[in-house]
PDB file of all heavy atoms in Angstrom:
ATOM      1  N   GLY A   1      73.236  52.819  50.444  1.00  0.00           N
ATOM      2  CA  GLY A   1      72.113  53.316  51.243  1.00  0.00           C
ATOM      3  C   GLY A   1      72.466  53.888  52.591  1.00  0.00           C
ATOM      4  O   GLY A   1      71.535  54.007  53.448  1.00  0.00           O
ATOM      5  N   TYR A   2      73.710  54.180  52.863  1.00  0.00           N
ATOM      6  CA  TYR A   2      74.128  54.722  54.127  1.00  0.00           C
ATOM      7  C   TYR A   2      74.247  56.248  53.999  1.00  0.00           C
ATOM      8  O   TYR A   2      75.230  56.815  53.622  1.00  0.00           O
ATOM      9  CB  TYR A   2      75.480  54.161  54.539  1.00  0.00           C
ATOM     10  CG  TYR A   2      75.489  52.695  54.840  1.00  0.00           C
ATOM     11  CD1 TYR A   2      75.652  51.672  53.875  1.00  0.00           C
ATOM     12  CD2 TYR A   2      75.268  52.318  56.123  1.00  0.00           C
ATOM     13  CE1 TYR A   2      75.633  50.388  54.129  1.00  0.00           C
ATOM     14  CE2 TYR A   2      75.193  50.884  56.459  1.00  0.00           C
ATOM     15  CZ  TYR A   2      75.340  50.015  55.497  1.00  0.00           C
ATOM     16  OH  TYR A   2      75.240  48.666  55.762  1.00  0.00           O
ATOM     17  N   HIS A   3      73.106  56.875  54.341  1.00  0.00           N
ATOM     18  CA  HIS A   3      72.931  58.346  54.189  1.00  0.00           C
ATOM     19  C   HIS A   3      73.474  59.040  55.498  1.00  0.00           C
ATOM     20  O   HIS A   3      73.314  58.440  56.646  1.00  0.00           O
ATOM     21  CB  HIS A   3      71.593  58.746  53.839  1.00  0.00           C
ATOM     22  CG  HIS A   3      71.134  58.150  52.554  1.00  0.00           C
ATOM     23  ND1 HIS A   3      71.564  58.521  51.325  1.00  0.00           N
ATOM     24  CD2 HIS A   3      70.256  57.062  52.344  1.00  0.00           C
ATOM     25  CE1 HIS A   3      70.979  57.853  50.355  1.00  0.00           C
ATOM     26  NE2 HIS A   3      70.197  56.947  50.958  1.00  0.00           N
ATOM     27  N   PRO A   4      73.899  60.265  55.446  1.00  0.00           N
ATOM     28  CA  PRO A   4      74.395  60.971  56.649  1.00  0.00           C
ATOM     29  C   PRO A   4      73.366  61.062  57.690  1.00  0.00           C
ATOM     30  O   PRO A   4      72.215  61.279  57.452  1.00  0.00           O
ATOM     31  CB  PRO A   4      74.853  62.341  56.046  1.00  0.00           C
ATOM     32  CG  PRO A   4      75.079  62.138  54.624  1.00  0.00           C
ATOM     33  CD  PRO A   4      74.065  61.061  54.196  1.00  0.00           C
ATOM     34  N   ASN A   5      73.783  60.970  58.919  1.00  0.00           N
ATOM     35  CA  ASN A   5      72.954  61.258  60.144  1.00  0.00           C
ATOM     36  C   ASN A   5      73.852  61.707  61.251  1.00  0.00           C
ATOM     37  O   ASN A   5      75.120  61.886  61.038  1.00  0.00           O
ATOM     38  CB  ASN A   5      72.148  60.067  60.528  1.00  0.00           C
ATOM     39  CG  ASN A   5      72.965  58.872  61.047  1.00  0.00           C
ATOM     40  OD1 ASN A   5      74.207  58.945  61.046  1.00  0.00           O
ATOM     41  ND2 ASN A   5      72.311  57.831  61.520  1.00  0.00           N
ATOM     42  N   LEU A   6      73.235  62.015  62.394  1.00  0.00           N
ATOM     43  CA  LEU A   6      74.145  62.615  63.501  1.00  0.00           C
ATOM     44  C   LEU A   6      75.253  61.641  63.966  1.00  0.00           C
ATOM     45  O   LEU A   6      76.267  62.107  64.458  1.00  0.00           O
ATOM     46  CB  LEU A   6      73.198  62.954  64.669  1.00  0.00           C
ATOM     47  CG  LEU A   6      72.319  64.112  64.484  1.00  0.00           C
ATOM     48  CD1 LEU A   6      71.349  64.310  65.690  1.00  0.00           C
ATOM     49  CD2 LEU A   6      73.069  65.339  64.134  1.00  0.00           C
ATOM     50  N   ALA A   7      75.062  60.399  63.792  1.00  0.00           N
ATOM     51  CA  ALA A   7      76.127  59.439  64.227  1.00  0.00           C
ATOM     52  C   ALA A   7      77.433  59.617  63.448  1.00  0.00           C
ATOM     53  O   ALA A   7      78.497  59.231  63.917  1.00  0.00           O
ATOM     54  CB  ALA A   7      75.644  57.923  64.017  1.00  0.00           C
ATOM     55  N   TRP A   8      77.293  60.276  62.287  1.00  0.00           N
ATOM     56  CA  TRP A   8      78.501  60.431  61.432  1.00  0.00           C
ATOM     57  C   TRP A   8      79.424  61.458  62.174  1.00  0.00           C
ATOM     58  O   TRP A   8      80.661  61.461  61.799  1.00  0.00           O
ATOM     59  CB  TRP A   8      78.142  61.011  60.110  1.00  0.00           C
ATOM     60  CG  TRP A   8      77.670  59.937  59.125  1.00  0.00           C
ATOM     61  CD1 TRP A   8      77.112  58.774  59.363  1.00  0.00           C
ATOM     62  CD2 TRP A   8      77.848  60.005  57.666  1.00  0.00           C
ATOM     63  NE1 TRP A   8      76.754  57.992  58.268  1.00  0.00           N
ATOM     64  CE2 TRP A   8      77.272  58.773  57.223  1.00  0.00           C
ATOM     65  CE3 TRP A   8      78.315  60.851  56.804  1.00  0.00           C
ATOM     66  CZ2 TRP A   8      77.280  58.468  55.878  1.00  0.00           C
ATOM     67  CZ3 TRP A   8      78.354  60.573  55.447  1.00  0.00           C
ATOM     68  CH2 TRP A   8      77.839  59.457  54.957  1.00  0.00           C
ATOM     69  N   LEU A   9      78.935  62.207  63.126  1.00  0.00           N
ATOM     70  CA  LEU A   9      79.808  63.169  63.841  1.00  0.00           C
ATOM     71  C   LEU A   9      80.899  62.408  64.627  1.00  0.00           C
ATOM     72  O   LEU A   9      81.982  63.022  64.837  1.00  0.00           O
ATOM     73  CB  LEU A   9      79.044  64.042  64.725  1.00  0.00           C
ATOM     74  CG  LEU A   9      78.009  64.998  64.002  1.00  0.00           C
ATOM     75  CD1 LEU A   9      77.182  65.786  65.055  1.00  0.00           C
ATOM     76  CD2 LEU A   9      78.812  66.025  63.079  1.00  0.00           C
ATOM     77  N   TRP A  10      80.601  61.200  65.000  1.00  0.00           N
ATOM     78  CA  TRP A  10      81.641  60.372  65.634  1.00  0.00           C
ATOM     79  C   TRP A  10      82.813  60.114  64.836  1.00  0.00           C
ATOM     80  O   TRP A  10      83.936  59.800  65.404  1.00  0.00           O
ATOM     81  CB  TRP A  10      81.048  59.059  66.175  1.00  0.00           C
ATOM     82  CG  TRP A  10      80.129  59.240  67.392  1.00  0.00           C
ATOM     83  CD1 TRP A  10      78.793  59.155  67.392  1.00  0.00           C
ATOM     84  CD2 TRP A  10      80.557  59.343  68.734  1.00  0.00           C
ATOM     85  NE1 TRP A  10      78.341  59.362  68.643  1.00  0.00           N
ATOM     86  CE2 TRP A  10      79.338  59.497  69.444  1.00  0.00           C
ATOM     87  CE3 TRP A  10      81.779  59.526  69.344  1.00  0.00           C
ATOM     88  CZ2 TRP A  10      79.426  59.694  70.857  1.00  0.00           C
ATOM     89  CZ3 TRP A  10      81.852  59.734  70.684  1.00  0.00           C
ATOM     90  CH2 TRP A  10      80.660  59.814  71.429  1.00  0.00           C
ATOM     91  N   LEU A  11      82.707  60.319  63.533  1.00  0.00           N
ATOM     92  CA  LEU A  11      83.931  60.149  62.664  1.00  0.00           C
ATOM     93  C   LEU A  11      85.011  61.153  63.029  1.00  0.00           C
ATOM     94  O   LEU A  11      86.142  60.831  62.839  1.00  0.00           O
ATOM     95  CB  LEU A  11      83.453  60.300  61.195  1.00  0.00           C
ATOM     96  CG  LEU A  11      84.632  60.126  60.192  1.00  0.00           C
ATOM     97  CD1 LEU A  11      85.134  58.669  60.198  1.00  0.00           C
ATOM     98  CD2 LEU A  11      84.051  60.481  58.779  1.00  0.00           C
ATOM     99  N   LEU A  12      84.574  62.279  63.523  1.00  0.00           N
ATOM    100  CA  LEU A  12      85.503  63.323  63.894  1.00  0.00           C
ATOM    101  C   LEU A  12      86.405  62.854  65.071  1.00  0.00           C
ATOM    102  O   LEU A  12      87.571  63.223  65.117  1.00  0.00           O
ATOM    103  CB  LEU A  12      84.803  64.631  64.372  1.00  0.00           C
ATOM    104  CG  LEU A  12      83.921  65.313  63.312  1.00  0.00           C
ATOM    105  CD1 LEU A  12      83.241  66.502  63.888  1.00  0.00           C
ATOM    106  CD2 LEU A  12      84.804  65.688  62.119  1.00  0.00           C
ATOM    107  N   VAL A  13      85.816  61.990  65.913  1.00  0.00           N
ATOM    108  CA  VAL A  13      86.673  61.398  67.032  1.00  0.00           C
ATOM    109  C   VAL A  13      87.695  60.483  66.457  1.00  0.00           C
ATOM    110  O   VAL A  13      88.887  60.481  66.868  1.00  0.00           O
ATOM    111  CB  VAL A  13      85.789  60.706  68.057  1.00  0.00           C
ATOM    112  CG1 VAL A  13      86.611  60.023  69.095  1.00  0.00           C
ATOM    113  CG2 VAL A  13      84.763  61.641  68.654  1.00  0.00           C
ATOM    114  N   ALA A  14      87.249  59.674  65.490  1.00  0.00           N
ATOM    115  CA  ALA A  14      88.257  58.767  64.837  1.00  0.00           C
ATOM    116  C   ALA A  14      89.364  59.499  64.172  1.00  0.00           C
ATOM    117  O   ALA A  14      90.548  59.211  64.255  1.00  0.00           O
ATOM    118  CB  ALA A  14      87.505  57.884  63.844  1.00  0.00           C
ATOM    119  N   ILE A  15      88.959  60.634  63.437  1.00  0.00           N
ATOM    120  CA  ILE A  15      89.940  61.408  62.649  1.00  0.00           C
ATOM    121  C   ILE A  15      90.949  62.118  63.654  1.00  0.00           C
ATOM    122  O   ILE A  15      92.147  62.107  63.501  1.00  0.00           O
ATOM    123  CB  ILE A  15      89.251  62.465  61.830  1.00  0.00           C
ATOM    124  CG1 ILE A  15      88.456  61.779  60.693  1.00  0.00           C
ATOM    125  CG2 ILE A  15      90.229  63.463  61.201  1.00  0.00           C
ATOM    126  CD1 ILE A  15      87.642  62.693  59.821  1.00  0.00           C
ATOM    127  N   LEU A  16      90.414  62.702  64.742  1.00  0.00           N
ATOM    128  CA  LEU A  16      91.225  63.366  65.717  1.00  0.00           C
ATOM    129  C   LEU A  16      92.196  62.383  66.329  1.00  0.00           C
ATOM    130  O   LEU A  16      93.416  62.614  66.502  1.00  0.00           O
ATOM    131  CB  LEU A  16      90.340  64.030  66.853  1.00  0.00           C
ATOM    132  CG  LEU A  16      91.123  64.594  67.978  1.00  0.00           C
ATOM    133  CD1 LEU A  16      92.031  65.719  67.598  1.00  0.00           C
ATOM    134  CD2 LEU A  16      90.150  65.036  69.094  1.00  0.00           C
ATOM    135  N   SER A  17      91.723  61.178  66.629  1.00  0.00           N
ATOM    136  CA  SER A  17      92.556  60.187  67.326  1.00  0.00           C
ATOM    137  C   SER A  17      93.649  59.738  66.401  1.00  0.00           C
ATOM    138  O   SER A  17      94.868  59.644  66.759  1.00  0.00           O
ATOM    139  CB  SER A  17      91.705  58.922  67.715  1.00  0.00           C
ATOM    140  OG  SER A  17      90.749  59.331  68.629  1.00  0.00           O
ATOM    141  N   VAL A  18      93.360  59.441  65.135  1.00  0.00           N
ATOM    142  CA  VAL A  18      94.351  58.864  64.184  1.00  0.00           C
ATOM    143  C   VAL A  18      95.343  60.013  63.871  1.00  0.00           C
ATOM    144  O   VAL A  18      96.582  59.685  63.643  1.00  0.00           O
ATOM    145  CB  VAL A  18      93.764  58.283  62.937  1.00  0.00           C
ATOM    146  CG1 VAL A  18      93.255  59.343  61.995  1.00  0.00           C
ATOM    147  CG2 VAL A  18      94.703  57.327  62.202  1.00  0.00           C
ATOM    148  N   VAL A  19      94.931  61.231  63.782  1.00  0.00           N
ATOM    149  CA  VAL A  19      95.879  62.340  63.481  1.00  0.00           C
ATOM    150  C   VAL A  19      96.855  62.485  64.669  1.00  0.00           C
ATOM    151  O   VAL A  19      98.003  62.728  64.481  1.00  0.00           O
ATOM    152  CB  VAL A  19      95.115  63.702  63.163  1.00  0.00           C
ATOM    153  CG1 VAL A  19      96.066  64.805  63.218  1.00  0.00           C
ATOM    154  CG2 VAL A  19      94.399  63.513  61.839  1.00  0.00           C
ATOM    155  N   LEU A  20      96.322  62.459  65.947  1.00  0.00           N
ATOM    156  CA  LEU A  20      97.201  62.596  67.067  1.00  0.00           C
ATOM    157  C   LEU A  20      98.121  61.385  67.085  1.00  0.00           C
ATOM    158  O   LEU A  20      99.408  61.573  67.414  1.00  0.00           O
ATOM    159  CB  LEU A  20      96.312  62.558  68.352  1.00  0.00           C
ATOM    160  CG  LEU A  20      95.639  63.914  68.692  1.00  0.00           C
ATOM    161  CD1 LEU A  20      94.764  63.737  69.905  1.00  0.00           C
ATOM    162  CD2 LEU A  20      96.612  65.047  68.869  1.00  0.00           C
ATOM    163  N   LEU A  21      97.644  60.176  66.881  1.00  0.00           N
ATOM    164  CA  LEU A  21      98.466  59.007  66.928  1.00  0.00           C
ATOM    165  C   LEU A  21      99.571  59.051  65.860  1.00  0.00           C
ATOM    166  O   LEU A  21     100.761  58.823  66.157  1.00  0.00           O
ATOM    167  CB  LEU A  21      97.631  57.758  66.785  1.00  0.00           C
ATOM    168  CG  LEU A  21      98.335  56.409  66.870  1.00  0.00           C
ATOM    169  CD1 LEU A  21      98.999  56.208  68.226  1.00  0.00           C
ATOM    170  CD2 LEU A  21      97.320  55.296  66.631  1.00  0.00           C
ATOM    171  N   GLY A  22      99.178  59.440  64.663  1.00  0.00           N
ATOM    172  CA  GLY A  22     100.102  59.409  63.549  1.00  0.00           C
ATOM    173  C   GLY A  22     101.202  60.512  63.686  1.00  0.00           C
ATOM    174  O   GLY A  22     102.335  60.254  63.407  1.00  0.00           O
ATOM    175  N   THR A  23     100.753  61.716  64.212  1.00  0.00           N
ATOM    176  CA  THR A  23     101.696  62.791  64.484  1.00  0.00           C
ATOM    177  C   THR A  23     102.639  62.477  65.578  1.00  0.00           C
ATOM    178  O   THR A  23     103.842  62.693  65.475  1.00  0.00           O
ATOM    179  CB  THR A  23     100.889  64.081  64.818  1.00  0.00           C
ATOM    180  OG1 THR A  23      99.973  64.394  63.770  1.00  0.00           O
ATOM    181  CG2 THR A  23     101.873  65.242  64.979  1.00  0.00           C
ATOM    182  N   GLY A  24     102.135  61.848  66.647  1.00  0.00           N
ATOM    183  CA  GLY A  24     102.991  61.486  67.772  1.00  0.00           C
ATOM    184  C   GLY A  24     104.038  60.514  67.315  1.00  0.00           C
ATOM    185  O   GLY A  24     105.254  60.620  67.634  1.00  0.00           O
ATOM    186  N   LEU A  25     103.627  59.404  66.553  1.00  0.00           N
ATOM    187  CA  LEU A  25     104.577  58.384  66.127  1.00  0.00           C
ATOM    188  C   LEU A  25     105.593  59.031  65.096  1.00  0.00           C
ATOM    189  O   LEU A  25     106.748  58.691  65.065  1.00  0.00           O
ATOM    190  CB  LEU A  25     103.764  57.248  65.477  1.00  0.00           C
ATOM    191  CG  LEU A  25     103.063  56.338  66.451  1.00  0.00           C
ATOM    192  CD1 LEU A  25     102.204  55.335  65.676  1.00  0.00           C
ATOM    193  CD2 LEU A  25     104.083  55.616  67.347  1.00  0.00           C
ATOM    194  N   ALA A  26     105.101  59.901  64.246  1.00  0.00           N
ATOM    195  CA  ALA A  26     105.959  60.580  63.290  1.00  0.00           C
ATOM    196  C   ALA A  26     107.079  61.292  63.989  1.00  0.00           C
ATOM    197  O   ALA A  26     108.262  61.272  63.553  1.00  0.00           O
ATOM    198  CB  ALA A  26     105.151  61.475  62.330  1.00  0.00           C
ATOM    199  N   MET A  27     106.736  62.086  65.039  1.00  0.00           N
ATOM    200  CA  MET A  27     107.721  62.850  65.723  1.00  0.00           C
ATOM    201  C   MET A  27     108.664  61.963  66.414  1.00  0.00           C
ATOM    202  O   MET A  27     109.925  62.138  66.524  1.00  0.00           O
ATOM    203  CB  MET A  27     107.044  63.887  66.637  1.00  0.00           C
ATOM    204  CG  MET A  27     106.357  64.974  65.922  1.00  0.00           C
ATOM    205  SD  MET A  27     105.775  66.321  67.010  1.00  0.00           S
ATOM    206  CE  MET A  27     104.489  65.507  67.907  1.00  0.00           C
ATOM    207  N   LEU A  28     108.109  60.995  67.125  1.00  0.00           N
ATOM    208  CA  LEU A  28     108.920  60.026  67.942  1.00  0.00           C
ATOM    209  C   LEU A  28     109.897  59.273  67.115  1.00  0.00           C
ATOM    210  O   LEU A  28     111.122  59.255  67.439  1.00  0.00           O
ATOM    211  CB  LEU A  28     107.940  59.073  68.668  1.00  0.00           C
ATOM    212  CG  LEU A  28     108.525  58.128  69.765  1.00  0.00           C
ATOM    213  CD1 LEU A  28     109.033  58.920  70.934  1.00  0.00           C
ATOM    214  CD2 LEU A  28     107.531  57.045  70.183  1.00  0.00           C
ATOM    215  N   LEU A  29     109.503  58.679  66.026  1.00  0.00           N
ATOM    216  CA  LEU A  29     110.390  57.829  65.226  1.00  0.00           C
ATOM    217  C   LEU A  29     111.324  58.698  64.360  1.00  0.00           C
ATOM    218  O   LEU A  29     112.491  58.264  64.143  1.00  0.00           O
ATOM    219  CB  LEU A  29     109.528  56.937  64.303  1.00  0.00           C
ATOM    220  CG  LEU A  29     108.656  55.919  65.041  1.00  0.00           C
ATOM    221  CD1 LEU A  29     107.683  55.176  64.064  1.00  0.00           C
ATOM    222  CD2 LEU A  29     109.469  54.954  65.815  1.00  0.00           C
ATOM    223  N   SER A  30     110.906  59.858  63.884  1.00  0.00           N
ATOM    224  CA  SER A  30     111.790  60.645  63.132  1.00  0.00           C
ATOM    225  C   SER A  30     112.990  61.214  63.940  1.00  0.00           C
ATOM    226  O   SER A  30     114.143  61.215  63.404  1.00  0.00           O
ATOM    227  CB  SER A  30     111.051  61.826  62.485  1.00  0.00           C
ATOM    228  OG  SER A  30     110.504  62.689  63.491  1.00  0.00           O
ATOM    229  N   ILE A  31     112.684  61.585  65.262  1.00  0.00           N
ATOM    230  CA  ILE A  31     113.860  62.077  66.011  1.00  0.00           C
ATOM    231  C   ILE A  31     114.790  60.918  66.458  1.00  0.00           C
ATOM    232  O   ILE A  31     115.958  60.991  66.567  1.00  0.00           O
ATOM    233  CB  ILE A  31     113.310  62.816  67.188  1.00  0.00           C
ATOM    234  CG1 ILE A  31     114.424  63.672  67.833  1.00  0.00           C
ATOM    235  CG2 ILE A  31     112.672  62.002  68.226  1.00  0.00           C
ATOM    236  CD1 ILE A  31     114.891  64.846  67.038  1.00  0.00           C
ATOM    237  N   LEU A  32     114.162  59.783  66.684  1.00  0.00           N
ATOM    238  CA  LEU A  32     114.944  58.601  67.153  1.00  0.00           C
ATOM    239  C   LEU A  32     115.770  58.067  66.012  1.00  0.00           C
ATOM    240  O   LEU A  32     116.957  57.587  66.234  1.00  0.00           O
ATOM    241  CB  LEU A  32     114.010  57.477  67.661  1.00  0.00           C
ATOM    242  CG  LEU A  32     113.429  57.685  69.006  1.00  0.00           C
ATOM    243  CD1 LEU A  32     112.441  56.514  69.365  1.00  0.00           C
ATOM    244  CD2 LEU A  32     114.457  57.787  70.122  1.00  0.00           C
ATOM    245  N   SER A  33     115.282  58.132  64.711  1.00  0.00           N
ATOM    246  CA  SER A  33     116.094  57.597  63.627  1.00  0.00           C
ATOM    247  C   SER A  33     117.331  58.419  63.372  1.00  0.00           C
ATOM    248  O   SER A  33     118.260  57.908  62.784  1.00  0.00           O
ATOM    249  CB  SER A  33     115.130  57.605  62.376  1.00  0.00           C
ATOM    250  OG  SER A  33     114.977  58.948  61.909  1.00  0.00           O
ATOM    251  N   VAL A  34     117.404  59.651  63.802  1.00  0.00           N
ATOM    252  CA  VAL A  34     118.652  60.423  63.734  1.00  0.00           C
ATOM    253  C   VAL A  34     119.745  59.882  64.562  1.00  0.00           C
ATOM    254  O   VAL A  34     120.939  59.866  64.134  1.00  0.00           O
ATOM    255  CB  VAL A  34     118.365  61.899  64.124  1.00  0.00           C
ATOM    256  CG1 VAL A  34     119.681  62.724  64.127  1.00  0.00           C
ATOM    257  CG2 VAL A  34     117.309  62.531  63.197  1.00  0.00           C
ATOM    258  N   HIS A  35     119.396  59.227  65.697  1.00  0.00           N
ATOM    259  CA  HIS A  35     120.380  58.658  66.624  1.00  0.00           C
ATOM    260  C   HIS A  35     120.521  57.228  66.442  1.00  0.00           C
ATOM    261  O   HIS A  35     121.589  56.618  66.817  1.00  0.00           O
ATOM    262  CB  HIS A  35     119.944  59.023  68.080  1.00  0.00           C
ATOM    263  CG  HIS A  35     119.884  60.450  68.326  1.00  0.00           C
ATOM    264  ND1 HIS A  35     120.964  61.203  68.654  1.00  0.00           N
ATOM    265  CD2 HIS A  35     118.806  61.319  68.229  1.00  0.00           C
ATOM    266  CE1 HIS A  35     120.569  62.483  68.887  1.00  0.00           C
ATOM    267  NE2 HIS A  35     119.262  62.605  68.606  1.00  0.00           N
ATOM    268  N   PHE A  36     119.513  56.514  65.886  1.00  0.00           N
ATOM    269  CA  PHE A  36     119.606  55.050  65.772  1.00  0.00           C
ATOM    270  C   PHE A  36     119.152  54.638  64.422  1.00  0.00           C
ATOM    271  O   PHE A  36     117.978  54.709  64.076  1.00  0.00           O
ATOM    272  CB  PHE A  36     118.691  54.361  66.788  1.00  0.00           C
ATOM    273  CG  PHE A  36     118.937  54.782  68.209  1.00  0.00           C
ATOM    274  CD1 PHE A  36     118.143  55.752  68.879  1.00  0.00           C
ATOM    275  CD2 PHE A  36     120.002  54.267  68.944  1.00  0.00           C
ATOM    276  CE1 PHE A  36     118.337  56.106  70.245  1.00  0.00           C
ATOM    277  CE2 PHE A  36     120.211  54.641  70.314  1.00  0.00           C
ATOM    278  CZ  PHE A  36     119.440  55.564  70.882  1.00  0.00           C
ATOM    279  N   ILE A  37     120.103  54.186  63.607  1.00  0.00           N
ATOM    280  CA  ILE A  37     119.798  53.846  62.230  1.00  0.00           C
ATOM    281  C   ILE A  37     118.896  52.601  62.091  1.00  0.00           C
ATOM    282  O   ILE A  37     118.229  52.405  61.069  1.00  0.00           O
ATOM    283  CB  ILE A  37     121.209  53.558  61.473  1.00  0.00           C
ATOM    284  CG1 ILE A  37     120.929  53.646  59.926  1.00  0.00           C
ATOM    285  CG2 ILE A  37     121.818  52.329  61.906  1.00  0.00           C
ATOM    286  CD1 ILE A  37     122.180  53.620  59.138  1.00  0.00           C
ATOM    287  N   GLU A  38     118.793  51.827  63.218  1.00  0.00           N
ATOM    288  CA  GLU A  38     117.970  50.638  63.170  1.00  0.00           C
ATOM    289  C   GLU A  38     116.520  50.989  63.192  1.00  0.00           C
ATOM    290  O   GLU A  38     115.662  50.056  63.050  1.00  0.00           O
ATOM    291  CB  GLU A  38     118.297  49.695  64.342  1.00  0.00           C
ATOM    292  CG  GLU A  38     119.737  49.210  64.402  1.00  0.00           C
ATOM    293  CD  GLU A  38     120.735  50.269  64.993  1.00  0.00           C
ATOM    294  OE1 GLU A  38     120.283  51.286  65.457  1.00  0.00           O
ATOM    295  OE2 GLU A  38     121.929  49.940  65.042  1.00  0.00           O
TER     296      GLU A  38
END
C-alpha cells in the first residue's frame, strides 16, 4: 500500500549520495591496491 507521492523524489538524493560514495571509494581503493597489496 505504499503508492508513489512527492516524497519519493527524496530517493534521488539517496541514489546520488550512494553513487558518489561508491564511485569515490572505488577510485580510492583501486588506485591504492596497485601500490599496496594489503
